[in-house]
Protein backbone atom coordinates (compact mmCIF):
# COMPACT_ATOMS: atom_id res chain seq x y z
CA MET A 1 -121.01 62.89 -113.03
CA ALA A 2 -119.24 59.88 -114.50
CA ARG A 3 -122.12 59.38 -116.92
CA ARG A 4 -122.16 63.05 -117.80
CA TYR A 5 -118.46 63.10 -118.70
CA HIS A 6 -118.11 59.59 -120.11
CA PRO A 7 -116.30 59.85 -123.49
CA ASP A 8 -118.77 57.47 -125.15
CA VAL A 9 -121.76 59.62 -124.22
CA CYS A 10 -120.52 63.14 -124.89
CA SER A 11 -120.64 64.98 -128.18
CA PRO A 12 -117.57 64.80 -130.44
CA SER A 13 -116.88 68.51 -129.91
CA THR A 14 -116.43 68.03 -126.15
CA ARG A 15 -114.80 64.59 -126.20
CA GLU A 16 -111.31 65.74 -125.19
CA GLU A 17 -112.52 67.77 -122.21
CA SER A 18 -114.99 65.05 -121.21
CA THR A 19 -112.25 62.42 -121.30
CA ARG A 20 -110.04 64.55 -119.06
CA MET A 21 -112.89 65.10 -116.58
CA PHE A 22 -113.84 61.42 -116.65
CA VAL A 23 -110.27 60.38 -115.78
CA GLU A 24 -110.17 62.95 -112.98
CA LEU A 25 -113.49 61.70 -111.58
CA HIS A 26 -112.26 58.12 -111.73
CA ARG A 27 -109.12 59.03 -109.76
CA ALA A 28 -111.21 60.86 -107.16
CA TYR A 29 -113.53 57.87 -106.79
CA GLU A 30 -110.58 55.50 -106.35
CA THR A 31 -109.05 57.76 -103.68
CA LEU A 32 -112.24 58.32 -101.72
CA SER A 33 -113.47 54.72 -101.89
CA ASP A 34 -110.24 53.25 -100.47
CA PRO A 35 -110.02 53.85 -96.68
CA ALA A 36 -106.20 54.11 -96.62
CA SER A 37 -106.11 56.51 -99.58
CA ARG A 38 -108.94 58.53 -98.04
CA ARG A 39 -107.06 58.88 -94.73
CA ARG A 40 -103.93 60.00 -96.58
CA TYR A 41 -105.96 62.49 -98.64
CA ASP A 42 -107.67 63.89 -95.53
CA TYR A 43 -104.30 64.16 -93.77
CA GLU A 44 -102.80 66.06 -96.69
CA LEU A 45 -105.73 68.49 -96.64
CA GLY A 46 -105.23 69.04 -92.94
CA LEU A 47 -108.56 67.49 -91.97
CA VAL A 48 -106.94 65.01 -89.58
CA GLY A 49 -105.09 65.93 -86.41
CA SER A 50 -104.78 69.17 -84.52
CA GLY A 51 -104.42 71.39 -87.58
CA SER A 52 -100.91 72.57 -86.74
CA GLY A 53 -98.06 71.08 -88.64
CA HIS A 54 -100.24 69.81 -91.48
CA ARG A 55 -99.80 71.28 -94.90
CA GLY A 56 -102.82 72.60 -96.70
CA SER A 57 -104.96 73.03 -93.60
CA GLY A 58 -107.62 75.34 -94.98
CA PHE A 59 -109.70 75.09 -91.83
CA GLU A 60 -107.47 75.23 -88.82
CA ARG A 61 -108.57 74.06 -85.40
CA GLU A 62 -109.10 77.64 -84.20
CA ARG A 63 -111.46 78.32 -87.10
CA TRP A 64 -113.55 75.22 -86.33
CA GLU A 65 -113.69 76.12 -82.65
CA GLU A 66 -114.77 79.66 -83.50
CA GLN A 67 -117.59 78.32 -85.68
CA LEU A 68 -118.68 75.89 -82.96
CA ARG A 69 -118.75 78.70 -80.37
CA GLY A 70 -120.91 80.77 -82.71
CA LEU A 71 -123.32 77.87 -83.18
CA TRP A 72 -123.44 77.28 -79.43
CA TRP A 73 -124.24 80.95 -78.71
CA ARG A 74 -127.02 80.99 -81.31
CA SER A 75 -128.45 77.80 -79.90
CA GLU A 76 -128.26 79.16 -76.37
CA ALA A 77 -129.97 82.41 -77.40
CA ARG A 78 -132.75 80.45 -79.11
CA ARG A 79 -133.19 78.28 -76.02
CA MET A 80 -133.40 81.35 -73.77
CA ARG A 81 -136.06 82.96 -76.01
CA ARG A 82 -138.19 79.80 -75.77
CA THR A 83 -138.00 79.64 -71.97
CA LYS A 84 -139.20 83.25 -71.44
């Protein structure tokens, strides 16, 4: 994506938008490649901890547990069909 939005590679008509995207991609790379910044970012998204008390927790613990139960039941049903 960095190559795609690099200001030196894009057409003159899209240079401004490409420059903005390139800077945004660079910031994302810096955040995700640094372990401390990545932990802070994950915490702010609510991906670390119990899910309660974290701001921005799009997937709360209950939601994850519900999805895991659904996967377990499908797996169990598949296993039971194979053993019959």
